[in-house]
Amino acid sequence: MQIISPARPPLIVYSAKPNFMLTGSTVDTIMATVPIPAHQIGPGGTVEVIALYTWTSSVNQKTMRIKLGGLTFYLMNNTAANPGYYAGSRIYNNSDEQSYNYVQANTFYGVIGNGLQNNAVDTRVAVNLDFNGQLALGTETMALRNYTVKIFPGY
């Protein structure tokens, strides 16, 4: 177990209710951004992300993405006629240059159905955590209602 230096806070939380409404576009669109300073996550650190998206209830595809440093760590395509989705993901920072995560629908706990996803994100430099949305039909609407980002710094 690593002891976190007193100079580094044990938990950093970003939370917002952006209520960003996406409509009239079918391209992948950034709906909110959380800037993460250089060395904030650190080797062995974890980022926990929770987001609430809502949209027009139809069978047309809606895509939610959560990206760190421009790379997709969470992707969910929804074609069900339900009005929203709770997205959750944990990003584990293996080293300063490599992060991995798993996607677990609606909860952080349970069987990992898709295995681990490896990505190369250099967290020694500042990176953005982006909440994205994409619609298959531009006349529909998707909203990012709320998000919470918790950073548990590594060593």
Foldseek 3Di string as FASTA:
>chain_A
DDDDDPVADQKDKDKDFQFQKAFQAFDKDFRDKDKDAALNAFAFKKKKKKWKKFKQQAQFWKWKFKDKQNHTQDIDIGRHRDTIAIFIWMWTHNHQFKIKIAGDGPDPDDDRPPDIDIDTDRRNHMIMTTIIMGTPDRHMMMTTGMMMMMMRHDD
